[in-house]
């Protein structure tokens, strides 16, 4: 598939890496915000959007989860990207020269142990790739960036210390968004993502979830979100294994709808082989 895929961040960001991994034949198009990614995809200015939704160390990306149900888009794929944090410096710089490491607020805690061990002070940047670009432009050997190898190659920086993340399994999950759904694909493992609001009756959530248990459906994610700033209105976001046309999934969704006021399927897509 040719065309463009939008992502949040600058060239060299981990979202850019996700685009190259999931859609290597498409041109990656950088955006300032997640909302920009959604709007460009919804308007047709780009064919697809790439959104980060959760990290194994940091947790969920709250802005994206609240944005998804109202995006008017459909999930067509997921991509798990192994996040290797690298200390990037000017060509010829040494690790001992570095006094400050610049990176996004999410990435700083992911390599806090390394920074402390080497007496390097973490500085917040709005974007990891932007930090790499600014280090390259600044020409100060005492300043480094926490970013990807891709950012190093784009901005002409040296990898002063590779893979400095504190946790060996540091991984980010991304979702590929499209204006149109594609429920026709089949794979050995399928994921169905949906949101729902339960009826205002006692034990509504328990009853709504019962169909998944009795039909042997594995639910891999269930999260709740406040709706419209009200403490009494809650929306749930869920991932399950299976396709809505599978008989057990169909029965479970029918039971869910009976106990819910609203059920919206956000996407049906093959599980990324890197999921495990």
C-alpha atoms as a PDB file:
ATOM      1  CA  UNK A   1       0.000   0.000   0.000  1.00  0.00           C
ATOM      2  CA  UNK A   2       1.478   3.332  -1.046  1.00  0.00           C
ATOM      3  CA  UNK A   3       0.571   6.737   0.335  1.00  0.00           C
ATOM      4  CA  UNK A   4       1.228   8.442   3.668  1.00  0.00           C
ATOM      5  CA  UNK A   5       0.873   7.388   7.285  1.00  0.00           C
ATOM      6  CA  UNK A   6       0.762  10.107   9.948  1.00  0.00           C
ATOM      7  CA  UNK A   7       2.379   9.850  13.371  1.00  0.00           C
ATOM      8  CA  UNK A   8       2.814  12.108  16.415  1.00  0.00           C
ATOM      9  CA  UNK A   9       6.327  13.445  16.822  1.00  0.00           C
ATOM     10  CA  UNK A  10       9.257  14.452  14.655  1.00  0.00           C
ATOM     11  CA  UNK A  11      11.190  12.356  12.167  1.00  0.00           C
ATOM     12  CA  UNK A  12      13.162   9.782  14.119  1.00  0.00           C
ATOM     13  CA  UNK A  13      10.543   9.345  16.858  1.00  0.00           C
ATOM     14  CA  UNK A  14       9.605   5.849  18.026  1.00  0.00           C
ATOM     15  CA  UNK A  15       6.261   6.383  16.287  1.00  0.00           C
ATOM     16  CA  UNK A  16       8.239   6.953  13.077  1.00  0.00           C
ATOM     17  CA  UNK A  17       9.986   3.638  13.751  1.00  0.00           C
ATOM     18  CA  UNK A  18       6.562   2.016  14.194  1.00  0.00           C
ATOM     19  CA  UNK A  19       5.477   3.365  10.800  1.00  0.00           C
ATOM     20  CA  UNK A  20       8.562   1.919   9.123  1.00  0.00           C
ATOM     21  CA  UNK A  21       7.989  -1.421  10.814  1.00  0.00           C
ATOM     22  CA  UNK A  22       4.259  -1.736  10.137  1.00  0.00           C
ATOM     23  CA  UNK A  23       4.002   0.072   6.776  1.00  0.00           C
ATOM     24  CA  UNK A  24       7.488   0.133   5.204  1.00  0.00           C
ATOM     25  CA  UNK A  25       6.050   1.019   1.779  1.00  0.00           C
ATOM     26  CA  UNK A  26       4.347   4.190   3.011  1.00  0.00           C
ATOM     27  CA  UNK A  27       5.745   7.683   3.589  1.00  0.00           C
ATOM     28  CA  UNK A  28       5.778   8.592   7.283  1.00  0.00           C
ATOM     29  CA  UNK A  29       4.286  12.034   7.920  1.00  0.00           C
ATOM     30  CA  UNK A  30       5.088  13.788  11.242  1.00  0.00           C
ATOM     31  CA  UNK A  31       2.398  15.625  13.254  1.00  0.00           C
ATOM     32  CA  UNK A  32       2.602  17.795  16.351  1.00  0.00           C
ATOM     33  CA  UNK A  33      -0.273  16.198  18.298  1.00  0.00           C
ATOM     34  CA  UNK A  34      -2.343  13.020  18.417  1.00  0.00           C
ATOM     35  CA  UNK A  35      -5.342  15.127  17.435  1.00  0.00           C
ATOM     36  CA  UNK A  36      -3.508  16.193  14.276  1.00  0.00           C
ATOM     37  CA  UNK A  37      -2.905  12.541  13.381  1.00  0.00           C
ATOM     38  CA  UNK A  38      -6.606  11.787  13.785  1.00  0.00           C
ATOM     39  CA  UNK A  39      -7.752  14.845  11.839  1.00  0.00           C
ATOM     40  CA  UNK A  40      -5.407  14.265   8.888  1.00  0.00           C
ATOM     41  CA  UNK A  41      -6.487  10.633   8.701  1.00  0.00           C
ATOM     42  CA  UNK A  42     -10.168  11.475   9.023  1.00  0.00           C
ATOM     43  CA  UNK A  43      -9.969  14.180   6.340  1.00  0.00           C
ATOM     44  CA  UNK A  44      -8.186  11.921   3.870  1.00  0.00           C
ATOM     45  CA  UNK A  45      -4.989  13.991   3.715  1.00  0.00           C
ATOM     46  CA  UNK A  46      -3.157  10.823   4.750  1.00  0.00           C
ATOM     47  CA  UNK A  47      -4.212   7.220   4.243  1.00  0.00           C
ATOM     48  CA  UNK A  48      -3.461   5.931   7.753  1.00  0.00           C
ATOM     49  CA  UNK A  49      -2.602   7.145  11.250  1.00  0.00           C
ATOM     50  CA  UNK A  50      -0.224   5.578  13.777  1.00  0.00           C
ATOM     51  CA  UNK A  51      -1.095   6.098  17.453  1.00  0.00           C
ATOM     52  CA  UNK A  52       0.847   4.960  20.517  1.00  0.00           C
ATOM     53  CA  UNK A  53      -1.546   3.569  23.135  1.00  0.00           C
ATOM     54  CA  UNK A  54       0.543   1.990  25.888  1.00  0.00           C
ATOM     55  CA  UNK A  55       4.056   1.235  27.061  1.00  0.00           C
ATOM     56  CA  UNK A  56       5.081  -1.778  29.124  1.00  0.00           C
ATOM     57  CA  UNK A  57       7.044   0.432  31.553  1.00  0.00           C
ATOM     58  CA  UNK A  58       5.096   3.690  31.595  1.00  0.00           C
ATOM     59  CA  UNK A  59       1.546   2.376  31.123  1.00  0.00           C
ATOM     60  CA  UNK A  60      -1.273   3.655  28.926  1.00  0.00           C
ATOM     61  CA  UNK A  61      -1.203   6.835  26.877  1.00  0.00           C
ATOM     62  CA  UNK A  62      -4.266   8.440  28.426  1.00  0.00           C
ATOM     63  CA  UNK A  63      -4.756  11.106  25.755  1.00  0.00           C
ATOM     64  CA  UNK A  64      -5.047   8.491  23.031  1.00  0.00           C
ATOM     65  CA  UNK A  65      -7.439   6.212  24.905  1.00  0.00           C
ATOM     66  CA  UNK A  66      -9.809   9.109  25.494  1.00  0.00           C
ATOM     67  CA  UNK A  67      -9.425  10.200  21.865  1.00  0.00           C
ATOM     68  CA  UNK A  68     -10.079   6.829  20.197  1.00  0.00           C
ATOM     69  CA  UNK A  69     -13.825   6.429  20.873  1.00  0.00           C
ATOM     70  CA  UNK A  70     -14.565   9.835  19.342  1.00  0.00           C
ATOM     71  CA  UNK A  71     -12.015   9.738  16.526  1.00  0.00           C
ATOM     72  CA  UNK A  72     -14.412   8.400  13.895  1.00  0.00           C
ATOM     73  CA  UNK A  73     -11.655   6.032  12.725  1.00  0.00           C
ATOM     74  CA  UNK A  74     -11.157   2.279  12.707  1.00  0.00           C
ATOM     75  CA  UNK A  75      -8.276   0.168  14.014  1.00  0.00           C
ATOM     76  CA  UNK A  76      -6.901  -1.994  11.187  1.00  0.00           C
ATOM     77  CA  UNK A  77      -3.635  -3.209  12.748  1.00  0.00           C
ATOM     78  CA  UNK A  78      -1.516  -3.173  15.876  1.00  0.00           C
ATOM     79  CA  UNK A  79       2.264  -2.891  16.083  1.00  0.00           C
ATOM     80  CA  UNK A  80       4.483  -3.709  19.043  1.00  0.00           C
ATOM     81  CA  UNK A  81       7.772  -1.815  18.912  1.00  0.00           C
ATOM     82  CA  UNK A  82      10.705  -2.701  21.128  1.00  0.00           C
ATOM     83  CA  UNK A  83      11.781   0.649  22.556  1.00  0.00           C
ATOM     84  CA  UNK A  84      15.563   0.772  22.787  1.00  0.00           C
ATOM     85  CA  UNK A  85      16.622   3.988  24.491  1.00  0.00           C
ATOM     86  CA  UNK A  86      20.001   5.253  23.304  1.00  0.00           C
ATOM     87  CA  UNK A  87      22.136   8.111  24.547  1.00  0.00           C
ATOM     88  CA  UNK A  88      22.895  10.180  21.439  1.00  0.00           C
ATOM     89  CA  UNK A  89      25.630  12.813  21.344  1.00  0.00           C
ATOM     90  CA  UNK A  90      27.602  14.913  18.915  1.00  0.00           C
ATOM     91  CA  UNK A  91      30.111  13.131  16.675  1.00  0.00           C
ATOM     92  CA  UNK A  92      33.330  12.653  18.629  1.00  0.00           C
ATOM     93  CA  UNK A  93      31.708  13.241  22.030  1.00  0.00           C
ATOM     94  CA  UNK A  94      32.348  10.777  24.866  1.00  0.00           C
ATOM     95  CA  UNK A  95      29.983   9.456  27.516  1.00  0.00           C
ATOM     96  CA  UNK A  96      32.079  11.212  30.170  1.00  0.00           C
ATOM     97  CA  UNK A  97      31.399  14.565  28.463  1.00  0.00           C
ATOM     98  CA  UNK A  98      27.620  14.349  28.919  1.00  0.00           C
ATOM     99  CA  UNK A  99      26.043  16.298  31.789  1.00  0.00           C
ATOM    100  CA  UNK A 100      22.432  16.520  30.516  1.00  0.00           C
ATOM    101  CA  UNK A 101      20.199  14.041  28.674  1.00  0.00           C
ATOM    102  CA  UNK A 102      17.115  15.430  26.966  1.00  0.00           C
ATOM    103  CA  UNK A 103      14.040  13.308  26.323  1.00  0.00           C
ATOM    104  CA  UNK A 104      10.267  13.126  26.585  1.00  0.00           C
ATOM    105  CA  UNK A 105       8.778  12.985  30.084  1.00  0.00           C
ATOM    106  CA  UNK A 106       7.718   9.383  29.363  1.00  0.00           C
ATOM    107  CA  UNK A 107      11.193   8.181  28.397  1.00  0.00           C
ATOM    108  CA  UNK A 108      13.175   9.714  31.265  1.00  0.00           C
ATOM    109  CA  UNK A 109      11.905   7.240  33.907  1.00  0.00           C
ATOM    110  CA  UNK A 110      12.625   4.359  31.518  1.00  0.00           C
ATOM    111  CA  UNK A 111      16.387   4.918  31.839  1.00  0.00           C
ATOM    112  CA  UNK A 112      16.576   6.595  35.263  1.00  0.00           C
ATOM    113  CA  UNK A 113      18.981   3.976  36.582  1.00  0.00           C
ATOM    114  CA  UNK A 114      21.535   4.586  33.837  1.00  0.00           C
ATOM    115  CA  UNK A 115      21.339   8.360  34.184  1.00  0.00           C
ATOM    116  CA  UNK A 116      21.818   8.217  37.950  1.00  0.00           C
ATOM    117  CA  UNK A 117      24.738   5.807  37.656  1.00  0.00           C
ATOM    118  CA  UNK A 118      26.547   8.163  35.282  1.00  0.00           C
ATOM    119  CA  UNK A 119      25.666  11.427  37.026  1.00  0.00           C
ATOM    120  CA  UNK A 120      23.636  12.686  34.087  1.00  0.00           C
ATOM    121  CA  UNK A 121      20.726  15.032  34.726  1.00  0.00           C
ATOM    122  CA  UNK A 122      17.514  14.300  32.816  1.00  0.00           C
ATOM    123  CA  UNK A 123      15.877  17.240  31.041  1.00  0.00           C
ATOM    124  CA  UNK A 124      12.325  17.149  29.687  1.00  0.00           C
ATOM    125  CA  UNK A 125      11.796  17.688  25.955  1.00  0.00           C
ATOM    126  CA  UNK A 126       8.488  17.697  24.108  1.00  0.00           C
ATOM    127  CA  UNK A 127       9.691  14.898  21.818  1.00  0.00           C
ATOM    128  CA  UNK A 128      12.629  12.479  21.765  1.00  0.00           C
ATOM    129  CA  UNK A 129      13.411  13.069  18.101  1.00  0.00           C
ATOM    130  CA  UNK A 130      13.181  16.820  18.639  1.00  0.00           C
ATOM    131  CA  UNK A 131      15.700  16.443  21.460  1.00  0.00           C
ATOM    132  CA  UNK A 132      18.030  14.680  19.017  1.00  0.00           C
ATOM    133  CA  UNK A 133      17.597  17.447  16.442  1.00  0.00           C
ATOM    134  CA  UNK A 134      18.247  20.167  19.016  1.00  0.00           C
ATOM    135  CA  UNK A 135      21.369  18.406  20.315  1.00  0.00           C
ATOM    136  CA  UNK A 136      22.652  18.212  16.741  1.00  0.00           C
ATOM    137  CA  UNK A 137      21.931  21.910  16.207  1.00  0.00           C
ATOM    138  CA  UNK A 138      23.320  23.007  19.582  1.00  0.00           C
ATOM    139  CA  UNK A 139      26.848  21.663  19.109  1.00  0.00           C
ATOM    140  CA  UNK A 140      27.341  21.269  22.874  1.00  0.00           C
ATOM    141  CA  UNK A 141      29.134  18.027  23.812  1.00  0.00           C
ATOM    142  CA  UNK A 142      27.742  18.177  27.367  1.00  0.00           C
ATOM    143  CA  UNK A 143      24.190  17.694  26.066  1.00  0.00           C
ATOM    144  CA  UNK A 144      22.792  14.432  24.715  1.00  0.00           C
ATOM    145  CA  UNK A 145      19.421  13.065  23.631  1.00  0.00           C
ATOM    146  CA  UNK A 146      17.496   9.947  24.643  1.00  0.00           C
ATOM    147  CA  UNK A 147      16.180   8.596  21.373  1.00  0.00           C
ATOM    148  CA  UNK A 148      16.236   5.860  18.755  1.00  0.00           C
ATOM    149  CA  UNK A 149      18.985   4.685  16.431  1.00  0.00           C
ATOM    150  CA  UNK A 150      16.759   6.028  13.656  1.00  0.00           C
ATOM    151  CA  UNK A 151      17.012   9.529  15.159  1.00  0.00           C
ATOM    152  CA  UNK A 152      20.795   9.169  15.357  1.00  0.00           C
ATOM    153  CA  UNK A 153      21.015   8.373  11.640  1.00  0.00           C
ATOM    154  CA  UNK A 154      18.641  11.199  10.649  1.00  0.00           C
ATOM    155  CA  UNK A 155      20.361  13.929  12.676  1.00  0.00           C
ATOM    156  CA  UNK A 156      23.965  12.762  12.326  1.00  0.00           C
ATOM    157  CA  UNK A 157      24.567  11.882  15.982  1.00  0.00           C
ATOM    158  CA  UNK A 158      26.703   9.181  17.567  1.00  0.00           C
ATOM    159  CA  UNK A 159      25.285   6.480  19.834  1.00  0.00           C
ATOM    160  CA  UNK A 160      27.318   7.117  22.990  1.00  0.00           C
ATOM    161  CA  UNK A 161      25.552   4.354  24.925  1.00  0.00           C
ATOM    162  CA  UNK A 162      23.106   1.894  23.304  1.00  0.00           C
ATOM    163  CA  UNK A 163      20.043   0.285  24.877  1.00  0.00           C
ATOM    164  CA  UNK A 164      20.206   2.021  28.248  1.00  0.00           C
ATOM    165  CA  UNK A 165      16.577   1.337  29.228  1.00  0.00           C
ATOM    166  CA  UNK A 166      16.187  -0.083  32.732  1.00  0.00           C
ATOM    167  CA  UNK A 167      13.789  -2.866  31.692  1.00  0.00           C
ATOM    168  CA  UNK A 168      14.788  -5.383  29.031  1.00  0.00           C
ATOM    169  CA  UNK A 169      11.226  -5.838  27.774  1.00  0.00           C
ATOM    170  CA  UNK A 170      10.453  -2.131  27.274  1.00  0.00           C
ATOM    171  CA  UNK A 171       7.830  -2.173  24.490  1.00  0.00           C
ATOM    172  CA  UNK A 172       5.243   0.259  23.115  1.00  0.00           C
ATOM    173  CA  UNK A 173       1.983  -0.812  21.498  1.00  0.00           C
ATOM    174  CA  UNK A 174       0.736   1.208  18.537  1.00  0.00           C
ATOM    175  CA  UNK A 175      -2.566   1.115  16.655  1.00  0.00           C
ATOM    176  CA  UNK A 176      -2.896   1.738  12.920  1.00  0.00           C
ATOM    177  CA  UNK A 177      -6.017   3.811  12.193  1.00  0.00           C
ATOM    178  CA  UNK A 178      -8.012   4.073   8.963  1.00  0.00           C
ATOM    179  CA  UNK A 179     -11.143   5.868   7.756  1.00  0.00           C
ATOM    180  CA  UNK A 180     -12.690   2.560   6.679  1.00  0.00           C
ATOM    181  CA  UNK A 181     -12.867  -0.718   8.615  1.00  0.00           C
ATOM    182  CA  UNK A 182     -11.548  -3.994   7.229  1.00  0.00           C
ATOM    183  CA  UNK A 183     -13.298  -6.938   8.855  1.00  0.00           C
ATOM    184  CA  UNK A 184     -12.557  -9.348   5.993  1.00  0.00           C
ATOM    185  CA  UNK A 185      -9.017 -10.313   6.995  1.00  0.00           C
ATOM    186  CA  UNK A 186      -8.459 -13.495   8.911  1.00  0.00           C
ATOM    187  CA  UNK A 187      -5.413 -14.643  10.832  1.00  0.00           C
ATOM    188  CA  UNK A 188      -4.684 -17.335  13.381  1.00  0.00           C
ATOM    189  CA  UNK A 189      -5.072 -14.736  16.137  1.00  0.00           C
ATOM    190  CA  UNK A 190      -7.536 -11.857  15.733  1.00  0.00           C
ATOM    191  CA  UNK A 191      -8.196  -8.943  18.077  1.00  0.00           C
ATOM    192  CA  UNK A 192     -11.510  -7.092  18.407  1.00  0.00           C
ATOM    193  CA  UNK A 193     -11.499  -3.710  20.144  1.00  0.00           C
ATOM    194  CA  UNK A 194     -14.699  -2.024  21.313  1.00  0.00           C
ATOM    195  CA  UNK A 195     -16.149   0.473  23.760  1.00  0.00           C
ATOM    196  CA  UNK A 196     -19.392   0.115  25.694  1.00  0.00           C
ATOM    197  CA  UNK A 197     -21.589   1.723  28.337  1.00  0.00           C
ATOM    198  CA  UNK A 198     -23.573  -0.548  30.627  1.00  0.00           C
ATOM    199  CA  UNK A 199     -27.202  -0.018  31.601  1.00  0.00           C
ATOM    200  CA  UNK A 200     -27.930   1.641  34.939  1.00  0.00           C
ATOM    201  CA  UNK A 201     -28.939  -1.542  36.761  1.00  0.00           C
ATOM    202  CA  UNK A 202     -27.352  -3.442  39.686  1.00  0.00           C
ATOM    203  CA  UNK A 203     -24.336  -5.579  38.724  1.00  0.00           C
ATOM    204  CA  UNK A 204     -24.590  -4.390  35.113  1.00  0.00           C
ATOM    205  CA  UNK A 205     -20.862  -4.737  34.392  1.00  0.00           C
ATOM    206  CA  UNK A 206     -20.733  -8.204  35.941  1.00  0.00           C
ATOM    207  CA  UNK A 207     -23.683  -9.315  33.819  1.00  0.00           C
ATOM    208  CA  UNK A 208     -22.308  -7.693  30.666  1.00  0.00           C
ATOM    209  CA  UNK A 209     -18.999  -9.527  31.090  1.00  0.00           C
ATOM    210  CA  UNK A 210     -20.623 -12.870  31.790  1.00  0.00           C
ATOM    211  CA  UNK A 211     -21.010 -13.757  28.130  1.00  0.00           C
ATOM    212  CA  UNK A 212     -17.275 -13.602  27.532  1.00  0.00           C
ATOM    213  CA  UNK A 213     -16.584 -15.998  30.400  1.00  0.00           C
ATOM    214  CA  UNK A 214     -19.273 -18.519  29.466  1.00  0.00           C
ATOM    215  CA  UNK A 215     -18.198 -18.500  25.807  1.00  0.00           C
ATOM    216  CA  UNK A 216     -14.503 -18.902  26.575  1.00  0.00           C
ATOM    217  CA  UNK A 217     -13.451 -15.520  25.163  1.00  0.00           C
ATOM    218  CA  UNK A 218     -10.156 -14.148  26.462  1.00  0.00           C
ATOM    219  CA  UNK A 219     -10.398 -10.449  27.307  1.00  0.00           C
ATOM    220  CA  UNK A 220      -6.895  -8.971  27.204  1.00  0.00           C
ATOM    221  CA  UNK A 221      -7.814  -5.414  28.199  1.00  0.00           C
ATOM    222  CA  UNK A 222     -10.634  -3.705  30.103  1.00  0.00           C
ATOM    223  CA  UNK A 223     -10.363  -0.076  31.140  1.00  0.00           C
ATOM    224  CA  UNK A 224     -12.891   2.484  32.327  1.00  0.00           C
ATOM    225  CA  UNK A 225     -13.163   6.177  31.460  1.00  0.00           C
ATOM    226  CA  UNK A 226     -15.227   9.009  32.826  1.00  0.00           C
ATOM    227  CA  UNK A 227     -17.705  10.380  30.271  1.00  0.00           C
ATOM    228  CA  UNK A 228     -18.321  14.116  29.997  1.00  0.00           C
ATOM    229  CA  UNK A 229     -16.723  14.881  33.354  1.00  0.00           C
ATOM    230  CA  UNK A 230     -19.427  12.979  35.230  1.00  0.00           C
ATOM    231  CA  UNK A 231     -18.551  10.590  38.060  1.00  0.00           C
ATOM    232  CA  UNK A 232     -21.714   8.576  37.339  1.00  0.00           C
ATOM    233  CA  UNK A 233     -21.205   8.101  33.582  1.00  0.00           C
ATOM    234  CA  UNK A 234     -18.575   5.523  32.653  1.00  0.00           C
ATOM    235  CA  UNK A 235     -17.384   4.150  29.339  1.00  0.00           C
ATOM    236  CA  UNK A 236     -15.350   0.967  29.054  1.00  0.00           C
ATOM    237  CA  UNK A 237     -12.647   0.143  26.515  1.00  0.00           C
ATOM    238  CA  UNK A 238     -11.906  -3.542  25.837  1.00  0.00           C
ATOM    239  CA  UNK A 239      -9.769  -5.852  23.708  1.00  0.00           C
ATOM    240  CA  UNK A 240     -10.769  -9.473  23.183  1.00  0.00           C
ATOM    241  CA  UNK A 241      -9.234 -12.318  21.238  1.00  0.00           C
ATOM    242  CA  UNK A 242     -11.366 -13.404  18.287  1.00  0.00           C
ATOM    243  CA  UNK A 243     -13.481 -12.094  15.402  1.00  0.00           C
ATOM    244  CA  UNK A 244     -17.081 -10.816  15.745  1.00  0.00           C
ATOM    245  CA  UNK A 245     -18.199 -13.454  13.220  1.00  0.00           C
ATOM    246  CA  UNK A 246     -16.842 -16.297  15.368  1.00  0.00           C
ATOM    247  CA  UNK A 247     -19.853 -17.969  16.973  1.00  0.00           C
ATOM    248  CA  UNK A 248     -18.596 -17.663  20.593  1.00  0.00           C
ATOM    249  CA  UNK A 249     -17.654 -13.995  20.095  1.00  0.00           C
ATOM    250  CA  UNK A 250     -20.994 -13.282  18.447  1.00  0.00           C
ATOM    251  CA  UNK A 251     -22.867 -14.765  21.405  1.00  0.00           C
ATOM    252  CA  UNK A 252     -20.740 -12.833  23.912  1.00  0.00           C
ATOM    253  CA  UNK A 253     -21.307  -9.535  22.079  1.00  0.00           C
ATOM    254  CA  UNK A 254     -25.069 -10.187  21.954  1.00  0.00           C
ATOM    255  CA  UNK A 255     -25.106 -10.613  25.734  1.00  0.00           C
ATOM    256  CA  UNK A 256     -22.966  -7.486  26.133  1.00  0.00           C
ATOM    257  CA  UNK A 257     -25.425  -5.462  24.030  1.00  0.00           C
ATOM    258  CA  UNK A 258     -28.350  -6.689  26.112  1.00  0.00           C
ATOM    259  CA  UNK A 259     -26.833  -5.197  29.273  1.00  0.00           C
ATOM    260  CA  UNK A 260     -25.396  -2.074  27.582  1.00  0.00           C
ATOM    261  CA  UNK A 261     -26.855   1.157  26.279  1.00  0.00           C
ATOM    262  CA  UNK A 262     -24.100   1.499  23.668  1.00  0.00           C
ATOM    263  CA  UNK A 263     -21.525  -0.807  22.062  1.00  0.00           C
ATOM    264  CA  UNK A 264     -19.130   0.443  19.372  1.00  0.00           C
ATOM    265  CA  UNK A 265     -16.638  -1.776  17.553  1.00  0.00           C
ATOM    266  CA  UNK A 266     -13.449   0.252  17.038  1.00  0.00           C
ATOM    267  CA  UNK A 267     -11.554  -2.356  15.061  1.00  0.00           C
ATOM    268  CA  UNK A 268     -11.052  -5.988  14.056  1.00  0.00           C
ATOM    269  CA  UNK A 269      -7.469  -6.820  13.135  1.00  0.00           C
ATOM    270  CA  UNK A 270      -4.765  -9.526  13.220  1.00  0.00           C
ATOM    271  CA  UNK A 271      -2.677  -9.720  16.384  1.00  0.00           C
ATOM    272  CA  UNK A 272       0.902  -8.560  15.891  1.00  0.00           C
ATOM    273  CA  UNK A 273       3.262 -11.558  16.070  1.00  0.00           C
ATOM    274  CA  UNK A 274       5.422  -9.492  18.448  1.00  0.00           C
ATOM    275  CA  UNK A 275       2.558  -9.313  20.963  1.00  0.00           C
ATOM    276  CA  UNK A 276       4.151 -12.017  23.125  1.00  0.00           C
END
